[in-house]
């Protein structure tokens, strides 16, 4: 009798889980397995896939466009992650202070986050226009001749980084702000009594206490950086001369413009490998500097 009741209980659990499991298998697991198989073929969307082994993976690192895209993605990470980390932390510290219209400022910094990347990219493409853009007009008013931002080989990637930081800084600042508000006020009161300056309070109290938030921001910012795509496609389309091409942008073009679905699948798995290894390293290193005790 007890065994029958246990069976009915597990049967009921299975019935409730079945719709979710079916969706997981159909829309997640199955595409992943198909992608892994296609990465070993030279499928062009029109003919049957032809098995070629790991040739696509070798081409990912041998083909010049692919190597440039990988290099550009890491350049973006090196420029973007530290900049968005410092900017969002500084913004969070400012938003944590008791000032007038505090709620308005907190809401205002989040507006770019909820705006679509396409809309943001179109606006910034106009602002950064070399001939009629707002930024160069403002610079000309103080006697500075601005570059052709998005068409200049040197300035194109820094422009993409600048726009990306501008859009994402509000999201990460809110995460830091939540971490700062968890710190008990007694720590700061004790520090003030001891004569600590505001800068010393931030360095000696705030930073050590929000290391879990810093770790979370670094991980998320790094993963987002590897998926650099929308702003590149809309603002520069990977140019000039491949200066802003990224791994995801190359995956999109190889899969849906050049019909190289197998090669694009291999690039996707290489991208997954980069993200997995970097994230794993971060989790291992966080044991040395993240403090979960408060």
C-alpha atoms as a PDB file:
ATOM      1  CA  UNK A   1       0.000   0.000   0.000  1.00  0.00           C
ATOM      2  CA  UNK A   2       2.861   2.291   0.936  1.00  0.00           C
ATOM      3  CA  UNK A   3       4.658   1.372  -2.288  1.00  0.00           C
ATOM      4  CA  UNK A   4       1.540   2.153  -4.332  1.00  0.00           C
ATOM      5  CA  UNK A   5       1.165   5.578  -2.706  1.00  0.00           C
ATOM      6  CA  UNK A   6       4.822   6.347  -3.370  1.00  0.00           C
ATOM      7  CA  UNK A   7       4.384   5.381  -7.030  1.00  0.00           C
ATOM      8  CA  UNK A   8       1.324   7.666  -7.374  1.00  0.00           C
ATOM      9  CA  UNK A   9       3.232  10.486  -5.748  1.00  0.00           C
ATOM     10  CA  UNK A  10       6.141  10.214  -8.175  1.00  0.00           C
ATOM     11  CA  UNK A  11       3.722   9.801 -11.100  1.00  0.00           C
ATOM     12  CA  UNK A  12       1.996  13.059 -10.135  1.00  0.00           C
ATOM     13  CA  UNK A  13       5.374  14.827  -9.879  1.00  0.00           C
ATOM     14  CA  UNK A  14       6.354  13.499 -13.307  1.00  0.00           C
ATOM     15  CA  UNK A  15       3.081  14.642 -14.874  1.00  0.00           C
ATOM     16  CA  UNK A  16       3.544  18.164 -13.508  1.00  0.00           C
ATOM     17  CA  UNK A  17       7.176  18.277 -14.654  1.00  0.00           C
ATOM     18  CA  UNK A  18       6.521  16.790 -18.086  1.00  0.00           C
ATOM     19  CA  UNK A  19       5.545  20.055 -19.903  1.00  0.00           C
ATOM     20  CA  UNK A  20       8.655  21.815 -18.590  1.00  0.00           C
ATOM     21  CA  UNK A  21      10.925  18.875 -19.379  1.00  0.00           C
ATOM     22  CA  UNK A  22       9.472  18.590 -22.891  1.00  0.00           C
ATOM     23  CA  UNK A  23      10.184  22.270 -23.531  1.00  0.00           C
ATOM     24  CA  UNK A  24      13.693  21.917 -22.112  1.00  0.00           C
ATOM     25  CA  UNK A  25      14.491  18.952 -24.345  1.00  0.00           C
ATOM     26  CA  UNK A  26      12.816  20.358 -27.473  1.00  0.00           C
ATOM     27  CA  UNK A  27      14.039  23.957 -27.322  1.00  0.00           C
ATOM     28  CA  UNK A  28      17.342  23.638 -25.420  1.00  0.00           C
ATOM     29  CA  UNK A  29      18.891  20.185 -25.388  1.00  0.00           C
ATOM     30  CA  UNK A  30      17.945  19.177 -28.947  1.00  0.00           C
ATOM     31  CA  UNK A  31      19.297  22.386 -30.610  1.00  0.00           C
ATOM     32  CA  UNK A  32      22.523  22.010 -28.597  1.00  0.00           C
ATOM     33  CA  UNK A  33      23.034  18.446 -29.813  1.00  0.00           C
ATOM     34  CA  UNK A  34      22.163  19.393 -33.411  1.00  0.00           C
ATOM     35  CA  UNK A  35      24.597  22.329 -33.216  1.00  0.00           C
ATOM     36  CA  UNK A  36      27.353  19.992 -31.983  1.00  0.00           C
ATOM     37  CA  UNK A  37      26.712  17.655 -34.916  1.00  0.00           C
ATOM     38  CA  UNK A  38      26.547  20.461 -37.499  1.00  0.00           C
ATOM     39  CA  UNK A  39      29.874  21.840 -36.267  1.00  0.00           C
ATOM     40  CA  UNK A  40      31.417  18.631 -37.650  1.00  0.00           C
ATOM     41  CA  UNK A  41      29.886  19.092 -41.109  1.00  0.00           C
ATOM     42  CA  UNK A  42      30.081  21.541 -44.019  1.00  0.00           C
ATOM     43  CA  UNK A  43      26.309  22.090 -44.238  1.00  0.00           C
ATOM     44  CA  UNK A  44      25.310  25.018 -46.490  1.00  0.00           C
ATOM     45  CA  UNK A  45      21.540  25.025 -45.714  1.00  0.00           C
ATOM     46  CA  UNK A  46      20.723  23.696 -49.208  1.00  0.00           C
ATOM     47  CA  UNK A  47      22.396  20.296 -49.465  1.00  0.00           C
ATOM     48  CA  UNK A  48      22.734  17.442 -46.996  1.00  0.00           C
ATOM     49  CA  UNK A  49      25.354  17.909 -44.259  1.00  0.00           C
ATOM     50  CA  UNK A  50      28.690  16.336 -45.140  1.00  0.00           C
ATOM     51  CA  UNK A  51      30.772  15.056 -42.215  1.00  0.00           C
ATOM     52  CA  UNK A  52      34.269  16.606 -42.201  1.00  0.00           C
ATOM     53  CA  UNK A  53      35.402  15.950 -38.635  1.00  0.00           C
ATOM     54  CA  UNK A  54      37.092  18.789 -36.751  1.00  0.00           C
ATOM     55  CA  UNK A  55      38.082  20.761 -39.872  1.00  0.00           C
ATOM     56  CA  UNK A  56      35.709  23.606 -38.977  1.00  0.00           C
ATOM     57  CA  UNK A  57      37.336  23.988 -35.562  1.00  0.00           C
ATOM     58  CA  UNK A  58      40.769  24.216 -37.169  1.00  0.00           C
ATOM     59  CA  UNK A  59      39.439  26.854 -39.603  1.00  0.00           C
ATOM     60  CA  UNK A  60      38.104  28.946 -36.710  1.00  0.00           C
ATOM     61  CA  UNK A  61      41.708  29.649 -35.692  1.00  0.00           C
ATOM     62  CA  UNK A  62      43.255  29.585 -39.187  1.00  0.00           C
ATOM     63  CA  UNK A  63      40.820  31.801 -41.108  1.00  0.00           C
ATOM     64  CA  UNK A  64      41.908  35.437 -40.951  1.00  0.00           C
ATOM     65  CA  UNK A  65      38.435  36.970 -40.473  1.00  0.00           C
ATOM     66  CA  UNK A  66      37.708  34.550 -37.647  1.00  0.00           C
ATOM     67  CA  UNK A  67      41.035  35.255 -35.908  1.00  0.00           C
ATOM     68  CA  UNK A  68      40.465  39.014 -36.221  1.00  0.00           C
ATOM     69  CA  UNK A  69      36.981  38.634 -34.720  1.00  0.00           C
ATOM     70  CA  UNK A  70      38.373  36.638 -31.776  1.00  0.00           C
ATOM     71  CA  UNK A  71      41.085  39.244 -31.235  1.00  0.00           C
ATOM     72  CA  UNK A  72      38.590  42.113 -31.412  1.00  0.00           C
ATOM     73  CA  UNK A  73      36.309  40.400 -28.897  1.00  0.00           C
ATOM     74  CA  UNK A  74      39.155  40.136 -26.399  1.00  0.00           C
ATOM     75  CA  UNK A  75      40.119  43.774 -27.092  1.00  0.00           C
ATOM     76  CA  UNK A  76      36.544  44.746 -26.292  1.00  0.00           C
ATOM     77  CA  UNK A  77      36.649  42.744 -23.055  1.00  0.00           C
ATOM     78  CA  UNK A  78      39.928  44.367 -21.976  1.00  0.00           C
ATOM     79  CA  UNK A  79      38.519  47.841 -22.601  1.00  0.00           C
ATOM     80  CA  UNK A  80      34.924  47.317 -21.510  1.00  0.00           C
ATOM     81  CA  UNK A  81      35.054  45.259 -18.303  1.00  0.00           C
ATOM     82  CA  UNK A  82      37.415  47.484 -16.226  1.00  0.00           C
ATOM     83  CA  UNK A  83      35.726  50.652 -17.475  1.00  0.00           C
ATOM     84  CA  UNK A  84      32.171  49.539 -16.748  1.00  0.00           C
ATOM     85  CA  UNK A  85      33.285  48.119 -13.376  1.00  0.00           C
ATOM     86  CA  UNK A  86      34.888  51.368 -12.177  1.00  0.00           C
ATOM     87  CA  UNK A  87      32.171  53.606 -13.681  1.00  0.00           C
ATOM     88  CA  UNK A  88      29.255  51.657 -12.216  1.00  0.00           C
ATOM     89  CA  UNK A  89      30.921  51.416  -8.784  1.00  0.00           C
ATOM     90  CA  UNK A  90      31.577  55.177  -8.711  1.00  0.00           C
ATOM     91  CA  UNK A  91      28.012  55.853  -9.838  1.00  0.00           C
ATOM     92  CA  UNK A  92      26.620  53.513  -7.163  1.00  0.00           C
ATOM     93  CA  UNK A  93      28.602  55.316  -4.436  1.00  0.00           C
ATOM     94  CA  UNK A  94      27.176  58.647  -5.636  1.00  0.00           C
ATOM     95  CA  UNK A  95      23.629  57.262  -5.782  1.00  0.00           C
ATOM     96  CA  UNK A  96      24.019  55.878  -2.266  1.00  0.00           C
ATOM     97  CA  UNK A  97      24.526  59.366  -0.838  1.00  0.00           C
ATOM     98  CA  UNK A  98      21.564  61.255   0.635  1.00  0.00           C
ATOM     99  CA  UNK A  99      20.893  63.961  -1.947  1.00  0.00           C
ATOM    100  CA  UNK A 100      17.816  65.733  -3.306  1.00  0.00           C
ATOM    101  CA  UNK A 101      15.937  63.987  -6.143  1.00  0.00           C
ATOM    102  CA  UNK A 102      17.745  60.749  -5.256  1.00  0.00           C
ATOM    103  CA  UNK A 103      14.924  58.571  -6.641  1.00  0.00           C
ATOM    104  CA  UNK A 104      14.931  60.519  -9.904  1.00  0.00           C
ATOM    105  CA  UNK A 105      18.669  60.040 -10.417  1.00  0.00           C
ATOM    106  CA  UNK A 106      18.420  56.322  -9.655  1.00  0.00           C
ATOM    107  CA  UNK A 107      15.634  55.940 -12.222  1.00  0.00           C
ATOM    108  CA  UNK A 108      17.430  58.099 -14.813  1.00  0.00           C
ATOM    109  CA  UNK A 109      20.606  55.987 -14.864  1.00  0.00           C
ATOM    110  CA  UNK A 110      18.491  52.916 -15.579  1.00  0.00           C
ATOM    111  CA  UNK A 111      16.776  54.369 -18.680  1.00  0.00           C
ATOM    112  CA  UNK A 112      19.535  53.294 -21.131  1.00  0.00           C
ATOM    113  CA  UNK A 113      19.362  49.755 -19.718  1.00  0.00           C
ATOM    114  CA  UNK A 114      15.715  49.291 -20.704  1.00  0.00           C
ATOM    115  CA  UNK A 115      16.207  50.910 -24.116  1.00  0.00           C
ATOM    116  CA  UNK A 116      16.736  48.488 -26.994  1.00  0.00           C
ATOM    117  CA  UNK A 117      20.243  48.094 -28.397  1.00  0.00           C
ATOM    118  CA  UNK A 118      18.992  48.917 -31.900  1.00  0.00           C
ATOM    119  CA  UNK A 119      17.514  52.270 -30.824  1.00  0.00           C
ATOM    120  CA  UNK A 120      20.607  53.116 -28.776  1.00  0.00           C
ATOM    121  CA  UNK A 121      22.933  52.201 -31.636  1.00  0.00           C
ATOM    122  CA  UNK A 122      21.032  54.311 -34.171  1.00  0.00           C
ATOM    123  CA  UNK A 123      21.114  57.366 -31.877  1.00  0.00           C
ATOM    124  CA  UNK A 124      24.817  56.957 -31.128  1.00  0.00           C
ATOM    125  CA  UNK A 125      25.592  56.397 -34.824  1.00  0.00           C
ATOM    126  CA  UNK A 126      24.227  59.894 -35.411  1.00  0.00           C
ATOM    127  CA  UNK A 127      26.016  61.387 -32.379  1.00  0.00           C
ATOM    128  CA  UNK A 128      29.344  59.902 -33.547  1.00  0.00           C
ATOM    129  CA  UNK A 129      28.897  60.861 -37.201  1.00  0.00           C
ATOM    130  CA  UNK A 130      32.172  62.404 -38.348  1.00  0.00           C
ATOM    131  CA  UNK A 131      30.617  65.165 -40.458  1.00  0.00           C
ATOM    132  CA  UNK A 132      27.283  66.063 -38.846  1.00  0.00           C
ATOM    133  CA  UNK A 133      27.419  64.323 -35.455  1.00  0.00           C
ATOM    134  CA  UNK A 134      26.634  66.038 -32.167  1.00  0.00           C
ATOM    135  CA  UNK A 135      29.887  65.030 -30.471  1.00  0.00           C
ATOM    136  CA  UNK A 136      32.149  66.522 -33.128  1.00  0.00           C
ATOM    137  CA  UNK A 137      29.999  69.673 -33.166  1.00  0.00           C
ATOM    138  CA  UNK A 138      30.461  70.110 -29.405  1.00  0.00           C
ATOM    139  CA  UNK A 139      34.205  69.465 -29.726  1.00  0.00           C
ATOM    140  CA  UNK A 140      34.455  72.049 -32.523  1.00  0.00           C
ATOM    141  CA  UNK A 141      32.971  74.654 -30.172  1.00  0.00           C
ATOM    142  CA  UNK A 142      36.072  74.352 -27.971  1.00  0.00           C
ATOM    143  CA  UNK A 143      38.479  74.205 -30.906  1.00  0.00           C
ATOM    144  CA  UNK A 144      38.942  70.450 -31.184  1.00  0.00           C
ATOM    145  CA  UNK A 145      38.643  68.628 -34.500  1.00  0.00           C
ATOM    146  CA  UNK A 146      37.026  65.281 -33.684  1.00  0.00           C
ATOM    147  CA  UNK A 147      37.874  62.111 -35.629  1.00  0.00           C
ATOM    148  CA  UNK A 148      35.507  60.176 -37.875  1.00  0.00           C
ATOM    149  CA  UNK A 149      34.687  57.957 -34.933  1.00  0.00           C
ATOM    150  CA  UNK A 150      33.014  54.913 -36.485  1.00  0.00           C
ATOM    151  CA  UNK A 151      34.921  54.998 -39.795  1.00  0.00           C
ATOM    152  CA  UNK A 152      38.381  55.402 -38.277  1.00  0.00           C
ATOM    153  CA  UNK A 153      40.300  52.134 -37.776  1.00  0.00           C
ATOM    154  CA  UNK A 154      41.749  53.312 -34.441  1.00  0.00           C
ATOM    155  CA  UNK A 155      38.646  54.978 -32.965  1.00  0.00           C
ATOM    156  CA  UNK A 156      35.945  52.508 -34.073  1.00  0.00           C
ATOM    157  CA  UNK A 157      36.435  49.950 -31.264  1.00  0.00           C
ATOM    158  CA  UNK A 158      36.863  52.590 -28.503  1.00  0.00           C
ATOM    159  CA  UNK A 159      33.594  54.123 -29.743  1.00  0.00           C
ATOM    160  CA  UNK A 160      31.819  50.752 -29.432  1.00  0.00           C
ATOM    161  CA  UNK A 161      33.276  50.334 -25.931  1.00  0.00           C
ATOM    162  CA  UNK A 162      32.186  53.832 -24.896  1.00  0.00           C
ATOM    163  CA  UNK A 163      28.597  53.282 -26.060  1.00  0.00           C
ATOM    164  CA  UNK A 164      28.449  49.840 -24.415  1.00  0.00           C
ATOM    165  CA  UNK A 165      29.643  51.236 -21.092  1.00  0.00           C
ATOM    166  CA  UNK A 166      27.122  54.106 -21.325  1.00  0.00           C
ATOM    167  CA  UNK A 167      24.252  51.653 -21.837  1.00  0.00           C
ATOM    168  CA  UNK A 168      25.236  49.057 -19.213  1.00  0.00           C
ATOM    169  CA  UNK A 169      26.596  51.242 -16.421  1.00  0.00           C
ATOM    170  CA  UNK A 170      23.127  51.780 -14.899  1.00  0.00           C
ATOM    171  CA  UNK A 171      22.447  48.033 -14.624  1.00  0.00           C
ATOM    172  CA  UNK A 172      25.689  47.286 -12.803  1.00  0.00           C
ATOM    173  CA  UNK A 173      25.361  50.432 -10.648  1.00  0.00           C
ATOM    174  CA  UNK A 174      22.023  49.148  -9.322  1.00  0.00           C
ATOM    175  CA  UNK A 175      23.696  45.856  -8.354  1.00  0.00           C
ATOM    176  CA  UNK A 176      26.489  47.718  -6.529  1.00  0.00           C
ATOM    177  CA  UNK A 177      23.925  50.006  -4.900  1.00  0.00           C
ATOM    178  CA  UNK A 178      22.082  46.986  -3.492  1.00  0.00           C
ATOM    179  CA  UNK A 179      25.386  45.713  -2.081  1.00  0.00           C
ATOM    180  CA  UNK A 180      26.269  49.085  -0.530  1.00  0.00           C
ATOM    181  CA  UNK A 181      22.882  49.364   1.167  1.00  0.00           C
ATOM    182  CA  UNK A 182      23.439  46.020   2.892  1.00  0.00           C
ATOM    183  CA  UNK A 183      26.410  47.468   4.806  1.00  0.00           C
ATOM    184  CA  UNK A 184      25.472  48.461   8.358  1.00  0.00           C
ATOM    185  CA  UNK A 185      25.810  52.186   9.100  1.00  0.00           C
ATOM    186  CA  UNK A 186      27.660  51.445  12.333  1.00  0.00           C
ATOM    187  CA  UNK A 187      30.833  50.684  10.371  1.00  0.00           C
ATOM    188  CA  UNK A 188      30.891  54.170   8.855  1.00  0.00           C
ATOM    189  CA  UNK A 189      30.006  55.842  12.186  1.00  0.00           C
ATOM    190  CA  UNK A 190      32.894  54.064  13.891  1.00  0.00           C
ATOM    191  CA  UNK A 191      35.228  55.056  11.057  1.00  0.00           C
ATOM    192  CA  UNK A 192      34.162  58.710  11.326  1.00  0.00           C
ATOM    193  CA  UNK A 193      34.867  58.682  15.063  1.00  0.00           C
ATOM    194  CA  UNK A 194      38.336  57.343  14.289  1.00  0.00           C
ATOM    195  CA  UNK A 195      38.858  60.198  11.845  1.00  0.00           C
ATOM    196  CA  UNK A 196      38.680  58.259   8.571  1.00  0.00           C
ATOM    197  CA  UNK A 197      38.123  60.370   5.463  1.00  0.00           C
ATOM    198  CA  UNK A 198      35.244  59.551   3.027  1.00  0.00           C
ATOM    199  CA  UNK A 199      37.773  58.054   0.596  1.00  0.00           C
ATOM    200  CA  UNK A 200      39.283  55.870   3.313  1.00  0.00           C
ATOM    201  CA  UNK A 201      35.783  54.722   4.322  1.00  0.00           C
ATOM    202  CA  UNK A 202      35.045  53.614   0.771  1.00  0.00           C
ATOM    203  CA  UNK A 203      38.397  51.852   0.371  1.00  0.00           C
ATOM    204  CA  UNK A 204      38.514  50.200   3.800  1.00  0.00           C
ATOM    205  CA  UNK A 205      34.810  49.462   4.376  1.00  0.00           C
ATOM    206  CA  UNK A 206      32.716  49.598   1.195  1.00  0.00           C
ATOM    207  CA  UNK A 207      35.026  47.770  -1.193  1.00  0.00           C
ATOM    208  CA  UNK A 208      35.815  44.771   1.066  1.00  0.00           C
ATOM    209  CA  UNK A 209      32.139  44.442   2.022  1.00  0.00           C
ATOM    210  CA  UNK A 210      30.801  44.348  -1.540  1.00  0.00           C
ATOM    211  CA  UNK A 211      33.301  41.909  -3.027  1.00  0.00           C
ATOM    212  CA  UNK A 212      30.452  39.405  -3.753  1.00  0.00           C
ATOM    213  CA  UNK A 213      28.735  42.119  -5.824  1.00  0.00           C
ATOM    214  CA  UNK A 214      32.021  42.948  -7.590  1.00  0.00           C
ATOM    215  CA  UNK A 215      32.530  39.284  -8.409  1.00  0.00           C
ATOM    216  CA  UNK A 216      28.991  38.980  -9.789  1.00  0.00           C
ATOM    217  CA  UNK A 217      29.414  42.103 -11.938  1.00  0.00           C
ATOM    218  CA  UNK A 218      32.763  40.903 -13.328  1.00  0.00           C
ATOM    219  CA  UNK A 219      31.305  37.510 -14.291  1.00  0.00           C
ATOM    220  CA  UNK A 220      28.203  38.971 -15.946  1.00  0.00           C
ATOM    221  CA  UNK A 221      30.147  41.752 -17.697  1.00  0.00           C
ATOM    222  CA  UNK A 222      32.643  39.218 -19.034  1.00  0.00           C
ATOM    223  CA  UNK A 223      29.919  36.921 -20.388  1.00  0.00           C
ATOM    224  CA  UNK A 224      28.094  39.899 -21.963  1.00  0.00           C
ATOM    225  CA  UNK A 225      31.358  41.024 -23.561  1.00  0.00           C
ATOM    226  CA  UNK A 226      31.867  37.693 -25.286  1.00  0.00           C
ATOM    227  CA  UNK A 227      28.393  38.124 -26.836  1.00  0.00           C
ATOM    228  CA  UNK A 228      29.177  41.499 -28.416  1.00  0.00           C
ATOM    229  CA  UNK A 229      26.827  41.790 -31.402  1.00  0.00           C
ATOM    230  CA  UNK A 230      23.935  44.298 -31.667  1.00  0.00           C
ATOM    231  CA  UNK A 231      25.930  47.514 -31.391  1.00  0.00           C
ATOM    232  CA  UNK A 232      28.542  46.232 -33.836  1.00  0.00           C
ATOM    233  CA  UNK A 233      25.997  45.170 -36.447  1.00  0.00           C
ATOM    234  CA  UNK A 234      24.027  48.427 -36.331  1.00  0.00           C
ATOM    235  CA  UNK A 235      26.814  50.968 -35.807  1.00  0.00           C
ATOM    236  CA  UNK A 236      29.697  49.618 -37.916  1.00  0.00           C
ATOM    237  CA  UNK A 237      28.658  46.251 -39.417  1.00  0.00           C
ATOM    238  CA  UNK A 238      32.066  44.992 -38.321  1.00  0.00           C
ATOM    239  CA  UNK A 239      34.051  47.713 -40.097  1.00  0.00           C
ATOM    240  CA  UNK A 240      36.108  49.605 -40.915  1.00  0.00           C
ATOM    241  CA  UNK A 241      38.287  46.814 -42.379  1.00  0.00           C
ATOM    242  CA  UNK A 242      37.142  44.406 -39.663  1.00  0.00           C
ATOM    243  CA  UNK A 243      38.232  46.695 -36.815  1.00  0.00           C
ATOM    244  CA  UNK A 244      35.035  46.017 -34.830  1.00  0.00           C
ATOM    245  CA  UNK A 245      34.053  42.552 -36.009  1.00  0.00           C
ATOM    246  CA  UNK A 246      33.259  40.162 -33.142  1.00  0.00           C
ATOM    247  CA  UNK A 247      32.817  36.423 -32.743  1.00  0.00           C
ATOM    248  CA  UNK A 248      29.006  36.575 -32.563  1.00  0.00           C
ATOM    249  CA  UNK A 249      28.844  38.988 -35.490  1.00  0.00           C
ATOM    250  CA  UNK A 250      30.920  36.548 -37.552  1.00  0.00           C
ATOM    251  CA  UNK A 251      28.701  33.626 -36.441  1.00  0.00           C
ATOM    252  CA  UNK A 252      25.633  35.526 -37.659  1.00  0.00           C
ATOM    253  CA  UNK A 253      27.173  36.412 -41.028  1.00  0.00           C
ATOM    254  CA  UNK A 254      28.624  32.950 -41.652  1.00  0.00           C
ATOM    255  CA  UNK A 255      25.348  31.213 -40.759  1.00  0.00           C
ATOM    256  CA  UNK A 256      22.717  33.409 -42.378  1.00  0.00           C
ATOM    257  CA  UNK A 257      24.549  35.392 -45.076  1.00  0.00           C
ATOM    258  CA  UNK A 258      27.237  33.016 -46.306  1.00  0.00           C
ATOM    259  CA  UNK A 259      25.362  29.760 -45.681  1.00  0.00           C
ATOM    260  CA  UNK A 260      28.313  28.271 -43.731  1.00  0.00           C
ATOM    261  CA  UNK A 261      26.166  26.757 -41.018  1.00  0.00           C
ATOM    262  CA  UNK A 262      28.726  24.123 -40.022  1.00  0.00           C
ATOM    263  CA  UNK A 263      31.507  26.666 -39.626  1.00  0.00           C
ATOM    264  CA  UNK A 264      29.208  28.997 -37.687  1.00  0.00           C
ATOM    265  CA  UNK A 265      28.264  26.121 -35.360  1.00  0.00           C
ATOM    266  CA  UNK A 266      31.954  25.433 -34.733  1.00  0.00           C
ATOM    267  CA  UNK A 267      32.505  29.134 -33.933  1.00  0.00           C
ATOM    268  CA  UNK A 268      29.590  28.946 -31.483  1.00  0.00           C
ATOM    269  CA  UNK A 269      31.186  26.015 -29.650  1.00  0.00           C
ATOM    270  CA  UNK A 270      34.542  27.786 -29.563  1.00  0.00           C
ATOM    271  CA  UNK A 271      32.772  30.813 -28.072  1.00  0.00           C
ATOM    272  CA  UNK A 272      31.130  28.541 -25.500  1.00  0.00           C
ATOM    273  CA  UNK A 273      34.572  27.147 -24.675  1.00  0.00           C
ATOM    274  CA  UNK A 274      35.993  30.644 -24.102  1.00  0.00           C
ATOM    275  CA  UNK A 275      33.093  31.628 -21.829  1.00  0.00           C
ATOM    276  CA  UNK A 276      33.236  28.328 -19.899  1.00  0.00           C
ATOM    277  CA  UNK A 277      36.991  28.480 -19.279  1.00  0.00           C
ATOM    278  CA  UNK A 278      37.012  32.163 -18.306  1.00  0.00           C
ATOM    279  CA  UNK A 279      34.014  31.751 -15.986  1.00  0.00           C
ATOM    280  CA  UNK A 280      35.556  28.645 -14.408  1.00  0.00           C
ATOM    281  CA  UNK A 281      38.801  30.535 -13.773  1.00  0.00           C
ATOM    282  CA  UNK A 282      36.866  33.378 -12.196  1.00  0.00           C
ATOM    283  CA  UNK A 283      35.074  30.978  -9.859  1.00  0.00           C
ATOM    284  CA  UNK A 284      38.372  29.428  -8.840  1.00  0.00           C
ATOM    285  CA  UNK A 285      40.088  32.797  -8.276  1.00  0.00           C
ATOM    286  CA  UNK A 286      37.154  34.304  -6.338  1.00  0.00           C
ATOM    287  CA  UNK A 287      38.031  32.082  -3.361  1.00  0.00           C
ATOM    288  CA  UNK A 288      41.104  34.263  -2.848  1.00  0.00           C
ATOM    289  CA  UNK A 289      39.483  37.701  -2.777  1.00  0.00           C
ATOM    290  CA  UNK A 290      35.696  37.491  -2.326  1.00  0.00           C
ATOM    291  CA  UNK A 291      34.556  37.923   1.278  1.00  0.00           C
ATOM    292  CA  UNK A 292      31.134  36.469   2.117  1.00  0.00           C
ATOM    293  CA  UNK A 293      31.378  37.177   5.860  1.00  0.00           C
ATOM    294  CA  UNK A 294      29.773  40.367   7.167  1.00  0.00           C
END
